[in-house]
Amino acid sequence: MDPIAAPSLAQLINRNSRALARDGDAALKPLGLRYAQVPVLALLREDVELTQKELAEATGIEQPSMAQLLTRMDRDGLIRRMPHPRDARSQTIALSPEGRAQVIDAHDRLAALDNRAVAGFTTDEIAILKDLLTRVGNNLDRTKGTATDGAAAPRSDG
């Protein structure tokens, strides 16, 4: 079969991820936010204070990229940094009052994007899609950093 006519699973996921990021950026632009900031905003919205390392690990964003992202968010007044109470070499990061106000509107805009992405899907189809994508992510996390030799990946049926 012609690979151009039948895109791989990775190509389909990548295409959809890029479309969501593009449309997410457009939806968040009026708020002065970027789609790349969403994982950090989501983690910090519950009055949580985390370190840069904890944010990087929780979001899967590499440390140097997280540092740049947090620098921009700090510059834009979305977060505040405080000395870590038990580690003088570290800081904790929390949402600023301005950042907190933006999270609610951002959530609503992104929920509308989610709804647009699954327009015409049944509730059961949405649940199945979420489950399958979660399983794909779990498989990839479980095998992170391992070389593949073309063998079939482990299958999880439950």
C-alpha atoms as a PDB file:
ATOM      1  CA  MET A   1       0.000   0.000   0.000  1.00  0.00           C
ATOM      2  CA  ASP A   2       1.228   3.512  -0.827  1.00  0.00           C
ATOM      3  CA  PRO A   3       2.428   5.178   2.442  1.00  0.00           C
ATOM      4  CA  ILE A   4       1.228   8.575   1.241  1.00  0.00           C
ATOM      5  CA  ALA A   5      -2.305   7.236   0.744  1.00  0.00           C
ATOM      6  CA  ALA A   6      -2.295   5.529   4.157  1.00  0.00           C
ATOM      7  CA  PRO A   7      -0.670   7.700   6.815  1.00  0.00           C
ATOM      8  CA  SER A   8       0.830   5.944   9.802  1.00  0.00           C
ATOM      9  CA  LEU A   9      -0.621   6.229  13.271  1.00  0.00           C
ATOM     10  CA  ALA A  10       2.260   8.538  14.249  1.00  0.00           C
ATOM     11  CA  GLN A  11       1.545  10.795  11.258  1.00  0.00           C
ATOM     12  CA  LEU A  12      -2.149  11.002  12.127  1.00  0.00           C
ATOM     13  CA  ILE A  13      -1.475  11.798  15.776  1.00  0.00           C
ATOM     14  CA  ASN A  14       1.158  14.379  14.812  1.00  0.00           C
ATOM     15  CA  ARG A  15      -1.187  16.041  12.306  1.00  0.00           C
ATOM     16  CA  ASN A  16      -3.957  16.295  14.890  1.00  0.00           C
ATOM     17  CA  SER A  17      -1.562  17.512  17.584  1.00  0.00           C
ATOM     18  CA  ARG A  18      -0.301  20.279  15.304  1.00  0.00           C
ATOM     19  CA  ALA A  19      -3.857  21.284  14.374  1.00  0.00           C
ATOM     20  CA  LEU A  20      -4.866  21.443  18.050  1.00  0.00           C
ATOM     21  CA  ALA A  21      -1.774  23.509  18.889  1.00  0.00           C
ATOM     22  CA  ARG A  22      -2.454  25.878  15.973  1.00  0.00           C
ATOM     23  CA  ASP A  23      -6.113  26.333  16.862  1.00  0.00           C
ATOM     24  CA  GLY A  24      -5.298  26.444  20.575  1.00  0.00           C
ATOM     25  CA  ASP A  25      -2.838  29.284  19.943  1.00  0.00           C
ATOM     26  CA  ALA A  26      -5.519  31.139  17.972  1.00  0.00           C
ATOM     27  CA  ALA A  27      -8.108  30.625  20.739  1.00  0.00           C
ATOM     28  CA  LEU A  28      -5.717  31.780  23.474  1.00  0.00           C
ATOM     29  CA  LYS A  29      -4.109  34.682  21.621  1.00  0.00           C
ATOM     30  CA  PRO A  30      -6.742  37.238  22.760  1.00  0.00           C
ATOM     31  CA  LEU A  31      -5.817  36.323  26.348  1.00  0.00           C
ATOM     32  CA  GLY A  32      -2.107  36.803  25.715  1.00  0.00           C
ATOM     33  CA  LEU A  33      -1.507  33.085  26.218  1.00  0.00           C
ATOM     34  CA  ARG A  34       0.096  30.332  24.145  1.00  0.00           C
ATOM     35  CA  TYR A  35      -1.036  26.729  23.846  1.00  0.00           C
ATOM     36  CA  ALA A  36       2.402  25.567  25.047  1.00  0.00           C
ATOM     37  CA  GLN A  37       1.646  27.188  28.424  1.00  0.00           C
ATOM     38  CA  VAL A  38      -1.491  25.111  29.009  1.00  0.00           C
ATOM     39  CA  PRO A  39       0.165  22.146  30.780  1.00  0.00           C
ATOM     40  CA  VAL A  40       1.857  24.489  33.277  1.00  0.00           C
ATOM     41  CA  LEU A  41      -1.302  26.527  33.829  1.00  0.00           C
ATOM     42  CA  ALA A  42      -3.301  23.339  34.370  1.00  0.00           C
ATOM     43  CA  LEU A  43      -0.874  22.023  36.991  1.00  0.00           C
ATOM     44  CA  LEU A  44      -0.664  25.305  38.879  1.00  0.00           C
ATOM     45  CA  ARG A  45      -4.357  26.188  38.849  1.00  0.00           C
ATOM     46  CA  GLU A  46      -5.147  24.303  42.051  1.00  0.00           C
ATOM     47  CA  ASP A  47      -3.102  26.642  44.317  1.00  0.00           C
ATOM     48  CA  VAL A  48      -0.123  24.354  43.916  1.00  0.00           C
ATOM     49  CA  GLU A  49       3.491  25.484  44.142  1.00  0.00           C
ATOM     50  CA  LEU A  50       5.922  23.320  42.180  1.00  0.00           C
ATOM     51  CA  THR A  51       9.571  23.539  41.244  1.00  0.00           C
ATOM     52  CA  GLN A  52      10.751  23.844  37.659  1.00  0.00           C
ATOM     53  CA  LYS A  53      11.966  20.245  37.844  1.00  0.00           C
ATOM     54  CA  GLU A  54       8.579  19.017  39.082  1.00  0.00           C
ATOM     55  CA  LEU A  55       6.784  20.934  36.316  1.00  0.00           C
ATOM     56  CA  ALA A  56       9.140  19.516  33.689  1.00  0.00           C
ATOM     57  CA  GLU A  57       8.641  15.954  34.913  1.00  0.00           C
ATOM     58  CA  ALA A  58       4.851  16.269  35.212  1.00  0.00           C
ATOM     59  CA  THR A  59       4.429  17.761  31.739  1.00  0.00           C
ATOM     60  CA  GLY A  60       7.088  15.805  29.867  1.00  0.00           C
ATOM     61  CA  ILE A  61       8.719  19.077  28.792  1.00  0.00           C
ATOM     62  CA  GLU A  62      12.518  19.029  28.781  1.00  0.00           C
ATOM     63  CA  GLN A  63      14.198  21.160  31.477  1.00  0.00           C
ATOM     64  CA  PRO A  64      15.736  23.758  29.078  1.00  0.00           C
ATOM     65  CA  SER A  65      12.388  24.237  27.290  1.00  0.00           C
ATOM     66  CA  MET A  66      10.586  24.489  30.640  1.00  0.00           C
ATOM     67  CA  ALA A  67      13.076  27.135  31.789  1.00  0.00           C
ATOM     68  CA  GLN A  68      12.371  29.221  28.665  1.00  0.00           C
ATOM     69  CA  LEU A  69       8.620  28.753  29.003  1.00  0.00           C
ATOM     70  CA  LEU A  70       8.667  29.817  32.661  1.00  0.00           C
ATOM     71  CA  THR A  71      10.858  32.828  31.888  1.00  0.00           C
ATOM     72  CA  ARG A  72       8.279  34.041  29.341  1.00  0.00           C
ATOM     73  CA  MET A  73       5.394  33.323  31.716  1.00  0.00           C
ATOM     74  CA  ASP A  74       7.190  35.238  34.483  1.00  0.00           C
ATOM     75  CA  ARG A  75       7.872  38.153  32.124  1.00  0.00           C
ATOM     76  CA  ASP A  76       4.178  38.211  31.180  1.00  0.00           C
ATOM     77  CA  GLY A  77       3.099  38.210  34.829  1.00  0.00           C
ATOM     78  CA  LEU A  78       1.384  34.796  34.700  1.00  0.00           C
ATOM     79  CA  ILE A  79       3.472  33.145  37.419  1.00  0.00           C
ATOM     80  CA  ARG A  80       5.398  34.155  40.493  1.00  0.00           C
ATOM     81  CA  ARG A  81       8.601  32.575  41.739  1.00  0.00           C
ATOM     82  CA  MET A  82       9.417  32.212  45.424  1.00  0.00           C
ATOM     83  CA  PRO A  83      12.436  30.774  47.227  1.00  0.00           C
ATOM     84  CA  HIS A  84      11.959  27.076  47.977  1.00  0.00           C
ATOM     85  CA  PRO A  85      11.348  26.670  51.723  1.00  0.00           C
ATOM     86  CA  ARG A  86      13.767  23.715  52.076  1.00  0.00           C
ATOM     87  CA  ASP A  87      16.203  24.099  49.154  1.00  0.00           C
ATOM     88  CA  ALA A  88      18.057  27.392  48.767  1.00  0.00           C
ATOM     89  CA  ARG A  89      19.139  26.412  45.226  1.00  0.00           C
ATOM     90  CA  SER A  90      15.565  26.067  44.035  1.00  0.00           C
ATOM     91  CA  GLN A  91      12.413  28.114  43.600  1.00  0.00           C
ATOM     92  CA  THR A  92       8.757  27.237  43.761  1.00  0.00           C
ATOM     93  CA  ILE A  93       6.438  28.468  41.060  1.00  0.00           C
ATOM     94  CA  ALA A  94       2.783  29.401  41.452  1.00  0.00           C
ATOM     95  CA  LEU A  95       0.181  31.212  39.404  1.00  0.00           C
ATOM     96  CA  SER A  96       0.047  34.951  39.873  1.00  0.00           C
ATOM     97  CA  PRO A  97      -3.375  36.550  40.429  1.00  0.00           C
ATOM     98  CA  GLU A  98      -3.315  37.581  36.754  1.00  0.00           C
ATOM     99  CA  GLY A  99      -2.450  34.041  35.690  1.00  0.00           C
ATOM    100  CA  ARG A 100      -5.250  32.631  37.831  1.00  0.00           C
ATOM    101  CA  ALA A 101      -7.764  34.969  36.183  1.00  0.00           C
ATOM    102  CA  GLN A 102      -6.601  33.850  32.733  1.00  0.00           C
ATOM    103  CA  VAL A 103      -6.929  30.131  33.509  1.00  0.00           C
ATOM    104  CA  ILE A 104     -10.723  30.185  33.716  1.00  0.00           C
ATOM    105  CA  ASP A 105     -11.189  31.913  30.366  1.00  0.00           C
ATOM    106  CA  ALA A 106      -8.474  29.751  28.786  1.00  0.00           C
ATOM    107  CA  HIS A 107     -10.213  26.600  30.049  1.00  0.00           C
ATOM    108  CA  ASP A 108     -13.504  27.664  28.480  1.00  0.00           C
ATOM    109  CA  ARG A 109     -11.839  28.434  25.139  1.00  0.00           C
ATOM    110  CA  LEU A 110      -9.997  25.113  25.088  1.00  0.00           C
ATOM    111  CA  ALA A 111     -13.146  23.191  26.058  1.00  0.00           C
ATOM    112  CA  ALA A 112     -14.823  24.738  23.006  1.00  0.00           C
ATOM    113  CA  LEU A 113     -11.858  23.581  20.899  1.00  0.00           C
ATOM    114  CA  ASP A 114     -12.179  20.056  22.300  1.00  0.00           C
ATOM    115  CA  ASN A 115     -15.876  20.058  21.430  1.00  0.00           C
ATOM    116  CA  ARG A 116     -15.103  21.203  17.898  1.00  0.00           C
ATOM    117  CA  ALA A 117     -12.483  18.473  17.522  1.00  0.00           C
ATOM    118  CA  VAL A 118     -14.988  15.721  18.368  1.00  0.00           C
ATOM    119  CA  ALA A 119     -18.031  17.196  16.655  1.00  0.00           C
ATOM    120  CA  GLY A 120     -20.266  14.359  15.477  1.00  0.00           C
ATOM    121  CA  PHE A 121     -18.733  11.815  17.854  1.00  0.00           C
ATOM    122  CA  THR A 122     -20.955   9.985  20.311  1.00  0.00           C
ATOM    123  CA  THR A 123     -20.216  10.080  24.035  1.00  0.00           C
ATOM    124  CA  ASP A 124     -19.052   6.456  23.800  1.00  0.00           C
ATOM    125  CA  GLU A 125     -16.734   7.254  20.877  1.00  0.00           C
ATOM    126  CA  ILE A 126     -15.182  10.124  22.823  1.00  0.00           C
ATOM    127  CA  ALA A 127     -14.607   7.839  25.815  1.00  0.00           C
ATOM    128  CA  ILE A 128     -13.032   5.192  23.563  1.00  0.00           C
ATOM    129  CA  LEU A 129     -10.815   7.794  21.867  1.00  0.00           C
ATOM    130  CA  LYS A 130      -9.622   9.092  25.244  1.00  0.00           C
ATOM    131  CA  ASP A 131      -8.922   5.557  26.430  1.00  0.00           C
ATOM    132  CA  LEU A 132      -7.007   4.623  23.278  1.00  0.00           C
ATOM    133  CA  LEU A 133      -4.908   7.797  23.288  1.00  0.00           C
ATOM    134  CA  THR A 134      -4.157   7.302  26.988  1.00  0.00           C
ATOM    135  CA  ARG A 135      -3.007   3.760  26.263  1.00  0.00           C
ATOM    136  CA  VAL A 136      -0.820   4.952  23.369  1.00  0.00           C
ATOM    137  CA  GLY A 137       0.790   7.517  25.671  1.00  0.00           C
ATOM    138  CA  ASN A 138       1.278   4.943  28.428  1.00  0.00           C
ATOM    139  CA  ASN A 139       2.912   2.527  25.971  1.00  0.00           C
ATOM    140  CA  LEU A 140       5.264   5.246  24.770  1.00  0.00           C
ATOM    141  CA  ASP A 141       6.094   6.362  28.324  1.00  0.00           C
ATOM    142  CA  ARG A 142       6.753   2.782  29.367  1.00  0.00           C
ATOM    143  CA  THR A 143       9.162   2.240  26.486  1.00  0.00           C
ATOM    144  CA  LYS A 144      10.721   5.733  26.490  1.00  0.00           C
ATOM    145  CA  GLY A 145      14.299   5.701  25.339  1.00  0.00           C
ATOM    146  CA  THR A 146      14.291   2.123  24.085  1.00  0.00           C
ATOM    147  CA  ALA A 147      15.384   1.374  20.555  1.00  0.00           C
ATOM    148  CA  THR A 148      12.927  -0.481  18.363  1.00  0.00           C
ATOM    149  CA  ASP A 149      13.950  -3.173  15.940  1.00  0.00           C
ATOM    150  CA  GLY A 150      10.719  -3.219  13.972  1.00  0.00           C
ATOM    151  CA  ALA A 151       9.124  -5.792  16.243  1.00  0.00           C
ATOM    152  CA  ALA A 152       5.523  -5.303  17.238  1.00  0.00           C
ATOM    153  CA  ALA A 153       4.998  -3.190  20.295  1.00  0.00           C
ATOM    154  CA  PRO A 154       3.431  -4.791  23.359  1.00  0.00           C
ATOM    155  CA  ARG A 155      -0.337  -4.833  23.227  1.00  0.00           C
ATOM    156  CA  SER A 156      -2.540  -3.983  26.140  1.00  0.00           C
ATOM    157  CA  ASP A 157      -6.140  -5.107  25.941  1.00  0.00           C
ATOM    158  CA  GLY A 158      -7.264  -3.813  29.243  1.00  0.00           C
END
